[in-house]
C-alpha atoms as a PDB file:
ATOM      1  CA  MET A   1       1.174 -11.463   9.953  1.00  0.00           C
ATOM      2  CA  ARG A   2       4.860 -11.156  10.695  1.00  0.00           C
ATOM      3  CA  SER A   3       6.870 -11.965   7.612  1.00  0.00           C
ATOM      4  CA  PHE A   4       7.242 -12.759   4.035  1.00  0.00           C
ATOM      5  CA  VAL A   5       9.680 -14.256   1.698  1.00  0.00           C
ATOM      6  CA  ILE A   6       9.777 -13.708  -2.104  1.00  0.00           C
ATOM      7  CA  VAL A   7      10.764 -17.214  -4.001  1.00  0.00           C
ATOM      8  CA  PRO A   8      10.831 -17.989  -7.663  1.00  0.00           C
ATOM      9  CA  GLY A   9       7.561 -18.684  -8.951  1.00  0.00           C
ATOM     10  CA  THR A  10       6.169 -22.519  -9.400  1.00  0.00           C
ATOM     11  CA  ALA A  11       2.844 -21.662 -10.883  1.00  0.00           C
ATOM     12  CA  LYS A  12       2.931 -21.656 -14.903  1.00  0.00           C
ATOM     13  CA  GLY A  13       3.572 -18.331 -16.227  1.00  0.00           C
ATOM     14  CA  LYS A  14       4.518 -16.570 -12.991  1.00  0.00           C
ATOM     15  CA  ARG A  15       8.044 -15.330 -12.178  1.00  0.00           C
ATOM     16  CA  PHE A  16       7.727 -15.039  -8.226  1.00  0.00           C
ATOM     17  CA  LYS A  17       5.740 -16.275  -5.196  1.00  0.00           C
ATOM     18  CA  ALA A  18       5.480 -14.352  -2.107  1.00  0.00           C
ATOM     19  CA  LEU A  19       4.747 -16.546   0.877  1.00  0.00           C
ATOM     20  CA  PHE A  20       3.501 -14.798   3.905  1.00  0.00           C
ATOM     21  CA  TYR A  21       3.765 -16.302   7.629  1.00  0.00           C
ATOM     22  CA  ASN A  22       2.345 -15.457  10.972  1.00  0.00           C
ATOM     23  CA  GLU A  23       3.816 -14.796  13.947  1.00  0.00           C
ATOM     24  CA  ARG A  24       4.159 -18.294  14.904  1.00  0.00           C
ATOM     25  CA  GLY A  25       5.793 -18.883  11.645  1.00  0.00           C
ATOM     26  CA  LYS A  26       2.983 -20.740  10.025  1.00  0.00           C
ATOM     27  CA  ARG A  27       2.256 -19.964   6.235  1.00  0.00           C
ATOM     28  CA  ILE A  28      -0.964 -17.842   6.123  1.00  0.00           C
ATOM     29  CA  LYS A  29      -1.059 -17.134   2.123  1.00  0.00           C
ATOM     30  CA  THR A  30       0.634 -17.715  -0.838  1.00  0.00           C
ATOM     31  CA  VAL A  31       0.709 -15.362  -3.914  1.00  0.00           C
ATOM     32  CA  GLN A  32       1.863 -16.093  -7.427  1.00  0.00           C
ATOM     33  CA  PHE A  33       2.815 -12.801  -9.235  1.00  0.00           C
ATOM     34  CA  GLY A  34       4.908 -11.136 -12.056  1.00  0.00           C
ATOM     35  CA  ASP A  35       4.678 -12.476 -15.625  1.00  0.00           C
ATOM     36  CA  SER A  36       7.533 -15.080 -16.270  1.00  0.00           C
ATOM     37  CA  GLN A  37       7.226 -13.784 -19.755  1.00  0.00           C
ATOM     38  CA  ALA A  38       8.416 -10.471 -19.043  1.00  0.00           C
ATOM     39  CA  ALA A  39      11.722 -11.497 -17.293  1.00  0.00           C
ATOM     40  CA  GLY A  40      14.483  -9.476 -18.925  1.00  0.00           C
ATOM     41  CA  ARG A  41      11.707  -6.527 -19.779  1.00  0.00           C
ATOM     42  CA  THR A  42      11.181  -5.425 -16.287  1.00  0.00           C
ATOM     43  CA  TYR A  43      12.582  -2.545 -13.949  1.00  0.00           C
ATOM     44  CA  ILE A  44      14.416  -4.857 -11.914  1.00  0.00           C
ATOM     45  CA  ASP A  45      15.922  -6.259 -14.964  1.00  0.00           C
ATOM     46  CA  GLY A  46      17.084  -3.179 -16.400  1.00  0.00           C
ATOM     47  CA  ALA A  47      14.030  -1.465 -18.186  1.00  0.00           C
ATOM     48  CA  SER A  48      14.064   2.372 -18.727  1.00  0.00           C
ATOM     49  CA  ARG A  49      12.321   4.654 -16.411  1.00  0.00           C
ATOM     50  CA  VAL A  50       9.868   4.993 -19.326  1.00  0.00           C
ATOM     51  CA  THR A  51       8.951   1.652 -19.358  1.00  0.00           C
ATOM     52  CA  ARG A  52       8.456   1.912 -15.611  1.00  0.00           C
ATOM     53  CA  ASN A  53       6.254   4.959 -15.724  1.00  0.00           C
ATOM     54  CA  ASN A  54       4.184   3.437 -18.653  1.00  0.00           C
ATOM     55  CA  TYR A  55       3.513  -0.040 -16.580  1.00  0.00           C
ATOM     56  CA  ILE A  56       2.383   2.059 -13.564  1.00  0.00           C
ATOM     57  CA  ALA A  57       0.254   4.181 -15.864  1.00  0.00           C
ATOM     58  CA  ARG A  58      -1.248   1.180 -17.419  1.00  0.00           C
ATOM     59  CA  HIS A  59      -2.143  -0.811 -14.335  1.00  0.00           C
ATOM     60  CA  ARG A  60      -3.062   2.314 -11.975  1.00  0.00           C
ATOM     61  CA  VAL A  61      -6.638   2.247 -13.386  1.00  0.00           C
ATOM     62  CA  ARG A  62      -7.453  -1.518 -12.412  1.00  0.00           C
ATOM     63  CA  GLU A  63      -5.319  -2.645  -9.521  1.00  0.00           C
ATOM     64  CA  ASP A  64      -5.354  -2.441  -5.957  1.00  0.00           C
ATOM     65  CA  TRP A  65      -2.050  -1.087  -4.789  1.00  0.00           C
ATOM     66  CA  THR A  66      -3.208  -0.758  -0.850  1.00  0.00           C
ATOM     67  CA  ASN A  67      -3.336  -4.476  -0.426  1.00  0.00           C
ATOM     68  CA  PRO A  68      -0.147  -6.189   0.264  1.00  0.00           C
ATOM     69  CA  PHE A  69      -1.639  -9.567  -0.602  1.00  0.00           C
ATOM     70  CA  SER A  70      -2.675  -8.516  -4.021  1.00  0.00           C
ATOM     71  CA  ARG A  71      -0.646  -9.669  -7.335  1.00  0.00           C
ATOM     72  CA  GLY A  72      -1.034  -5.902  -8.476  1.00  0.00           C
ATOM     73  CA  ALA A  73       0.654  -4.648  -5.249  1.00  0.00           C
ATOM     74  CA  LEU A  74       3.229  -7.238  -5.267  1.00  0.00           C
ATOM     75  CA  SER A  75       4.091  -6.701  -8.876  1.00  0.00           C
ATOM     76  CA  ARG A  76       3.990  -3.026  -8.362  1.00  0.00           C
ATOM     77  CA  TYR A  77       6.343  -2.570  -5.468  1.00  0.00           C
ATOM     78  CA  ILE A  78       8.451  -5.591  -5.988  1.00  0.00           C
ATOM     79  CA  ILE A  79       9.063  -5.494  -9.428  1.00  0.00           C
ATOM     80  CA  TRP A  80       8.810  -1.868 -10.795  1.00  0.00           C
ATOM     81  CA  GLU A  81       9.757   0.227  -7.608  1.00  0.00           C
ATOM     82  CA  THR A  82      13.385   0.630  -7.936  1.00  0.00           C
ATOM     83  CA  PRO A  83      15.848  -1.339  -9.900  1.00  0.00           C
ATOM     84  CA  ASP A  84      17.283  -3.554  -7.222  1.00  0.00           C
ATOM     85  CA  LEU A  85      14.867  -6.515  -5.882  1.00  0.00           C
ATOM     86  CA  HIS A  86      16.322  -6.726  -2.328  1.00  0.00           C
ATOM     87  CA  THR A  87      15.763  -2.950  -2.000  1.00  0.00           C
ATOM     88  CA  ASN A  88      12.179  -3.358  -3.363  1.00  0.00           C
ATOM     89  CA  ILE A  89      11.237  -6.007  -0.662  1.00  0.00           C
ATOM     90  CA  ASN A  90      12.601  -3.842   2.269  1.00  0.00           C
ATOM     91  CA  LEU A  91      10.501  -1.034   1.021  1.00  0.00           C
ATOM     92  CA  PHE A  92       7.433  -2.966   0.698  1.00  0.00           C
ATOM     93  CA  LYS A  93       8.108  -4.100   4.030  1.00  0.00           C
ATOM     94  CA  LYS A  94       8.284  -0.644   5.161  1.00  0.00           C
ATOM     95  CA  ARG A  95       5.355   0.532   3.071  1.00  0.00           C
ATOM     96  CA  PHE A  96       3.001  -2.078   4.619  1.00  0.00           C
ATOM     97  CA  GLN A  97       4.686  -2.186   8.112  1.00  0.00           C
ATOM     98  CA  LYS A  98       1.507  -2.447   9.711  1.00  0.00           C
ATOM     99  CA  HIS A  99       1.111  -5.967   8.472  1.00  0.00           C
ATOM    100  CA  PHE A 100       4.668  -6.860   9.195  1.00  0.00           C
ATOM    101  CA  SER A 101       5.140  -5.637  12.894  1.00  0.00           C
END
């Protein structure tokens, strides 16, 4: 796989959509993630560090954060990593660079 983009979600209740593309530019996977009802209460929206840490602790036990195609990894690293969405996207690419090179 070569690239991905994050766009607003189109599925009911989902805030974002990740579109993954192969090296020829063909879309190979679409993943809807993030609770649209949580908009305004996430780390990229200004939630506190304590709220972030609580989210991570709560989800750590049941999420697969090693799979870049999982909703859990996308939420964890795109919505809850730092307060800046664009920084999080770049960090996600770096974290999973073997999938994007």
